[in-house]
Protein backbone atom coordinates (compact mmCIF):
# COMPACT_ATOMS: atom_id res chain seq x y z
CA UNK A 1 175.91 130.88 82.71
CA UNK A 2 174.39 129.88 79.46
CA UNK A 3 175.22 132.50 76.64
CA UNK A 4 173.68 132.65 73.25
CA UNK A 5 174.67 134.53 69.99
CA UNK A 6 172.59 137.52 70.93
CA UNK A 7 174.57 137.83 74.21
CA UNK A 8 171.84 136.92 76.63
CA UNK A 9 172.35 134.60 79.45
CA UNK A 10 170.51 132.99 82.28
CA UNK A 11 172.12 133.75 85.63
CA UNK A 12 173.00 130.54 87.48
CA UNK A 13 172.15 132.27 90.89
CA UNK A 14 168.96 134.14 90.31
CA UNK A 15 167.96 132.04 87.23
CA UNK A 16 166.72 135.01 85.25
CA UNK A 17 167.62 135.85 81.65
CA UNK A 18 169.19 139.19 80.68
CA UNK A 19 171.89 140.95 78.73
CA UNK A 20 175.44 139.99 79.65
CA UNK A 21 177.07 142.90 78.17
CA UNK A 22 177.67 144.67 81.66
CA UNK A 23 179.61 141.91 83.21
CA UNK A 24 177.25 141.28 85.94
CA UNK A 25 173.52 140.27 86.31
CA UNK A 26 171.27 143.35 86.38
CA UNK A 27 168.79 141.36 88.56
CA UNK A 28 171.06 139.96 91.35
CA UNK A 29 174.48 141.76 90.57
CA UNK A 30 176.28 138.30 90.47
CA UNK A 31 179.30 138.58 88.12
CA UNK A 32 178.94 136.55 84.82
CA UNK A 33 182.67 135.84 84.00
CA UNK A 34 183.20 133.39 87.00
CA UNK A 35 183.72 129.76 87.06
CA UNK A 36 181.23 127.67 89.20
CA UNK A 37 182.83 126.61 92.44
CA UNK A 38 180.96 123.49 93.77
CA UNK A 39 182.20 121.62 96.86
CA UNK A 40 182.30 117.73 96.90
CA UNK A 41 179.32 117.78 98.99
CA UNK A 42 177.21 119.84 96.43
CA UNK A 43 177.30 123.39 97.92
CA UNK A 44 177.83 126.11 95.26
CA UNK A 45 179.72 129.24 96.30
CA UNK A 46 177.79 132.39 95.34
CA UNK A 47 180.40 134.98 94.33
CA UNK A 48 180.33 138.30 95.96
CA UNK A 49 178.77 141.09 94.05
CA UNK A 50 181.56 143.10 92.32
CA UNK A 51 182.27 146.52 93.58
CA UNK A 52 180.14 149.12 91.90
CA UNK A 53 177.86 146.67 90.16
CA UNK A 54 174.40 148.07 89.65
CA UNK A 55 171.09 146.18 90.19
CA UNK A 56 168.08 147.43 88.33
CA UNK A 57 164.41 147.32 89.94
CA UNK A 58 161.55 149.31 88.18
CA UNK A 59 162.79 152.86 87.21
CA UNK A 60 165.32 152.75 90.31
CA UNK A 61 168.77 151.05 90.82
CA UNK A 62 170.80 149.77 93.67
CA UNK A 63 174.67 150.12 93.36
CA UNK A 64 176.81 147.86 95.60
CA UNK A 65 179.85 149.69 96.78
CA UNK A 66 182.77 148.19 98.62
CA UNK A 67 183.73 144.66 99.30
CA UNK A 68 184.51 144.28 102.94
CA UNK A 69 181.59 145.77 104.47
CA UNK A 70 179.45 146.64 101.39
CA UNK A 71 177.02 149.31 101.13
CA UNK A 72 173.85 149.33 99.12
CA UNK A 73 173.52 152.78 97.50
CA UNK A 74 169.79 153.09 96.23
CA UNK A 75 168.93 155.72 93.53
CA UNK A 76 165.20 156.05 94.02
CA UNK A 77 163.19 157.48 91.11
CA UNK A 78 159.69 158.84 90.98
CA UNK A 79 157.76 157.55 93.91
CA UNK A 80 159.34 154.19 94.27
CA UNK A 81 160.20 153.20 97.77
CA UNK A 82 162.31 150.75 99.90
CA UNK A 83 161.95 149.56 103.46
CA UNK A 84 164.71 148.68 106.07
CA UNK A 85 165.60 148.63 109.73
CA UNK A 86 166.65 151.98 111.15
CA UNK A 87 170.16 150.72 112.29
CA UNK A 88 171.44 150.10 108.82
CA UNK A 89 171.05 153.71 107.47
CA UNK A 90 174.29 155.31 106.50
CA UNK A 91 173.09 158.58 104.81
CA UNK A 92 170.35 159.84 102.44
CA UNK A 93 169.79 163.01 100.56
CA UNK A 94 167.27 165.49 101.76
CA UNK A 95 165.00 164.80 98.88
CA UNK A 96 164.33 161.28 100.20
CA UNK A 97 161.23 161.08 102.39
CA UNK A 98 161.83 158.63 105.45
CA UNK A 99 159.13 157.54 107.89
CA UNK A 100 158.13 154.60 110.22
CA UNK A 101 156.76 151.84 108.32
CA UNK A 102 153.20 150.58 109.66
CA UNK A 103 153.72 147.02 110.82
CA UNK A 104 150.77 144.62 111.59
CA UNK A 105 150.31 142.57 114.77
CA UNK A 106 152.97 142.79 117.53
CA UNK A 107 156.03 143.34 115.55
CA UNK A 108 158.77 143.74 118.25
CA UNK A 109 162.37 143.10 117.43
CA UNK A 110 165.41 143.64 119.56
CA UNK A 111 169.13 143.49 118.62
CA UNK A 112 171.87 143.88 121.20
CA UNK A 113 169.16 144.78 123.77
CA UNK A 114 167.81 147.72 121.73
CA UNK A 115 164.53 147.96 119.87
CA UNK A 116 164.53 147.94 115.99
CA UNK A 117 162.24 150.24 114.02
CA UNK A 118 161.26 149.57 110.37
CA UNK A 119 161.49 152.60 108.21
CA UNK A 120 160.58 153.23 104.57
CA UNK A 121 162.08 155.71 102.16
CA UNK A 122 160.47 157.10 99.22
CA UNK A 123 162.18 158.81 96.17
CA UNK A 124 163.43 160.73 94.40
CA UNK A 125 166.92 160.66 95.67
CA UNK A 126 169.79 158.58 97.01
CA UNK A 127 169.81 156.46 100.13
CA UNK A 128 172.67 154.46 101.39
CA UNK A 129 172.40 151.35 103.65
CA UNK A 130 174.93 148.94 105.26
CA UNK A 131 175.28 146.23 107.95
CA UNK A 132 178.00 146.42 110.54
CA UNK A 133 179.95 143.30 109.95
CA UNK A 134 182.32 142.04 107.22
CA UNK A 135 180.47 139.88 104.62
CA UNK A 136 178.39 140.18 101.52
CA UNK A 137 175.19 141.58 100.26
CA UNK A 138 173.11 138.85 98.59
CA UNK A 139 170.44 140.18 96.22
CA UNK A 140 167.30 138.15 95.81
CA UNK A 141 165.07 139.18 92.86
CA UNK A 142 161.51 137.91 93.52
CA UNK A 143 159.01 137.22 90.67
CA UNK A 144 155.35 138.01 91.45
CA UNK A 145 154.04 135.66 94.26
CA UNK A 146 157.56 134.13 94.75
CA UNK A 147 158.48 133.93 98.48
CA UNK A 148 161.66 133.21 100.44
CA UNK A 149 162.20 132.45 104.31
CA UNK A 150 165.06 134.38 105.79
CA UNK A 151 166.72 133.82 109.27
CA UNK A 152 166.28 136.73 111.66
CA UNK A 153 168.60 139.56 111.50
CA UNK A 154 169.91 138.84 108.03
CA UNK A 155 167.59 141.37 106.28
CA UNK A 156 168.95 144.49 104.81
CA UNK A 157 166.21 145.99 102.58
CA UNK A 158 163.46 145.20 100.26
CA UNK A 159 161.50 147.20 97.55
CA UNK A 160 158.05 148.39 98.33
CA UNK A 161 156.19 145.78 96.32
CA UNK A 162 157.70 143.01 98.59
CA UNK A 163 155.41 142.10 101.31
CA UNK A 164 156.83 141.37 104.65
CA UNK A 165 155.57 138.83 107.44
CA UNK A 166 157.15 136.79 110.12
CA UNK A 167 156.35 133.71 112.26
CA UNK A 168 157.92 131.43 114.80
CA UNK A 169 160.10 128.85 113.18
CA UNK A 170 158.80 125.96 115.28
CA UNK A 171 162.48 124.83 116.20
CA UNK A 172 163.22 124.94 119.88
CA UNK A 173 164.57 122.84 122.84
CA UNK A 174 164.66 123.33 126.66
CA UNK A 175 167.36 122.54 129.14
CA UNK A 176 167.06 122.27 132.87
CA UNK A 177 164.01 121.64 135.06
CA UNK A 178 161.59 123.41 137.21
CA UNK A 179 162.69 127.07 137.93
CA UNK A 180 166.07 126.49 136.17
CA UNK A 181 164.34 125.64 132.81
CA UNK A 182 165.72 127.54 129.92
CA UNK A 183 164.24 127.73 126.35
CA UNK A 184 166.56 127.81 123.32
CA UNK A 185 165.71 129.01 119.68
CA UNK A 186 168.61 127.93 117.37
CA UNK A 187 167.15 129.91 114.56
CA UNK A 188 165.98 132.87 116.69
CA UNK A 189 162.37 133.81 117.86
CA UNK A 190 161.17 134.50 114.42
CA UNK A 191 161.89 133.77 110.72
CA UNK A 192 161.22 136.56 108.17
CA UNK A 193 158.96 135.92 105.21
CA UNK A 194 159.12 137.90 101.91
CA UNK A 195 156.97 137.67 98.95
CA UNK A 196 156.55 139.86 95.68
CA UNK A 197 153.10 141.24 95.04
CA UNK A 198 151.86 142.90 91.72
CA UNK A 199 155.14 142.70 90.01
CA UNK A 200 158.88 141.80 90.41
CA UNK A 201 160.64 142.85 93.61
CA UNK A 202 164.06 142.93 94.95
CA UNK A 203 165.25 141.63 98.50
CA UNK A 204 168.70 142.40 99.97
CA UNK A 205 170.38 140.42 102.74
CA UNK A 206 173.48 140.65 104.52
CA UNK A 207 175.59 137.46 104.74
CA UNK A 208 178.58 137.31 107.15
CA UNK A 209 181.50 135.69 105.51
CA UNK A 210 180.66 133.92 102.33
CA UNK A 211 177.48 132.58 100.99
CA UNK A 212 176.87 128.98 99.60
CA UNK A 213 173.65 127.70 97.77
CA UNK A 214 172.30 124.28 97.32
CA UNK A 215 169.26 123.01 95.27
CA UNK A 216 167.82 120.02 97.16
CA UNK A 217 165.87 117.28 95.16
CA UNK A 218 162.52 116.07 96.36
CA UNK A 219 163.24 114.08 99.44
CA UNK A 220 166.82 114.94 99.58
CA UNK A 221 168.03 115.62 103.19
CA UNK A 222 171.01 117.60 104.66
CA UNK A 223 171.86 118.64 108.06
CA UNK A 224 173.42 122.29 108.88
CA UNK A 225 174.28 124.21 111.92
CA UNK A 226 171.04 126.11 112.69
CA UNK A 227 172.87 129.48 112.94
CA UNK A 228 174.50 129.20 109.48
CA UNK A 229 171.07 129.43 107.70
CA UNK A 230 170.73 132.30 105.45
CA UNK A 231 167.43 131.69 103.48
CA UNK A 232 165.42 128.94 102.03
CA UNK A 233 162.71 128.24 99.73
CA UNK A 234 159.06 127.82 101.47
CA UNK A 235 159.13 124.45 99.98
CA UNK A 236 162.18 123.13 101.91
CA UNK A 237 161.09 121.47 105.26
CA UNK A 238 163.11 121.80 108.42
CA UNK A 239 163.28 120.32 112.13
CA UNK A 240 165.80 119.71 114.86
CA UNK A 241 168.05 116.76 114.48
CA UNK A 242 169.95 115.70 117.71
CA UNK A 243 173.12 113.48 117.66
CA UNK A 244 174.57 111.72 120.64
CA UNK A 245 178.01 110.46 119.81
CA UNK A 246 179.65 107.28 121.36
CA UNK A 247 182.66 108.66 123.25
CA UNK A 248 185.68 106.83 124.09
CA UNK A 249 184.13 103.32 123.54
CA UNK A 250 181.33 104.14 126.02
CA UNK A 251 177.68 104.37 124.92
CA UNK A 252 176.45 107.74 126.01
CA UNK A 253 172.61 107.72 126.80
CA UNK A 254 170.28 110.29 125.80
CA UNK A 255 169.34 111.19 129.35
CA UNK A 256 172.71 111.07 131.12
CA UNK A 257 175.39 112.18 128.80
CA UNK A 258 174.38 115.53 127.73
CA UNK A 259 178.05 116.84 127.57
CA UNK A 260 178.42 114.90 124.16
CA UNK A 261 175.70 116.10 121.85
CA UNK A 262 175.28 117.98 118.57
CA UNK A 263 172.15 120.16 117.70
CA UNK A 264 171.60 120.34 113.86
CA UNK A 265 168.97 121.74 111.75
CA UNK A 266 167.70 118.90 109.28
CA UNK A 267 166.30 120.09 106.02
CA UNK A 268 164.80 118.31 103.10
CA UNK A 269 163.80 119.20 99.52
CA UNK A 270 162.74 120.20 97.18
CA UNK A 271 164.00 123.75 97.00
CA UNK A 272 166.83 126.07 97.50
CA UNK A 273 168.88 126.45 100.74
CA UNK A 274 171.59 129.10 101.33
CA UNK A 275 174.04 129.15 104.36
CA UNK A 276 176.65 131.73 105.53
CA UNK A 277 180.20 130.74 106.39
CA UNK A 278 180.32 132.94 109.70
CA UNK A 279 178.01 131.84 112.36
CA UNK A 280 177.54 131.30 116.05
CA UNK A 281 178.23 127.90 117.58
CA UNK A 282 176.08 126.59 120.47
CA UNK A 283 177.74 127.10 123.75
CA UNK A 284 175.27 125.23 126.11
CA UNK A 285 176.07 121.44 126.70
CA UNK A 286 173.19 120.98 129.36
CA UNK A 287 170.79 118.11 128.95
CA UNK A 288 167.94 118.69 126.60
CA UNK A 289 164.87 118.00 128.52
CA UNK A 290 162.28 118.79 125.88
CA UNK A 291 162.30 119.94 122.27
CA UNK A 292 160.16 120.49 119.05
CA UNK A 293 159.80 117.61 116.74
CA UNK A 294 163.23 115.99 115.92
CA UNK A 295 165.15 113.14 114.61
CA UNK A 296 167.56 111.42 116.87
CA UNK A 297 170.77 109.59 116.19
CA UNK A 298 173.06 107.75 118.68
CA UNK A 299 176.36 106.44 117.35
């Protein structure tokens, strides 16, 4: 945090300047009275938004309520609107107009075997959204034409001037052969892409556990568990990284010793990367027979 005599500061998380008098950033809700926590490996913990912190967007606002499974309570004014998946709705006032959101292409999302429906809500009135797991709400203010890539099923809500698209991440591998071949998508079938159009916008994500952010320098490389990815800047590249460790003094070959392998997501800068502390670990240990572009390491 950088504070001047006029009580303005630049938030270290959303990098926007504003008044520090309310104790939290009005753009992303991050508290201003916390010490920076950075690990030895360079990851900076993003503090949870304080209970009852208010985030301003346009004439409307969003109040974050609770800490264990936080709720986003929107106060929509005028004709401003937000969109979200139907399963995240807690309640809304009768004055809020909700309707299915028109989606281009063949948008078809499923969670726990059930289809997801994208809805939009227009004010005036209050609307409350929440995920169904303990964690944090991460607010990402987007400046005009600024974009961010988000891992599938982390999206909570976005304001109406944030455009939404999706694409396949291009990260996959297969196991087995013939009729027993199975495809695996460590990042999911799709990544969500959001960018602001015509003015600043607000994007809300749900992060299971805690959130950590890192700024990668040009050419700087890191490896993370694929399912730990929360979001990244479009400038950050990514591909598979496969490791085959030497086990018990014996050199395990790429083709035969598939029980001793690790699947990583290799990422390189420049740009920002965020991860979540709660993620699913890979269960399969079958031999990888084919994969998207990847780097390999045997040690």
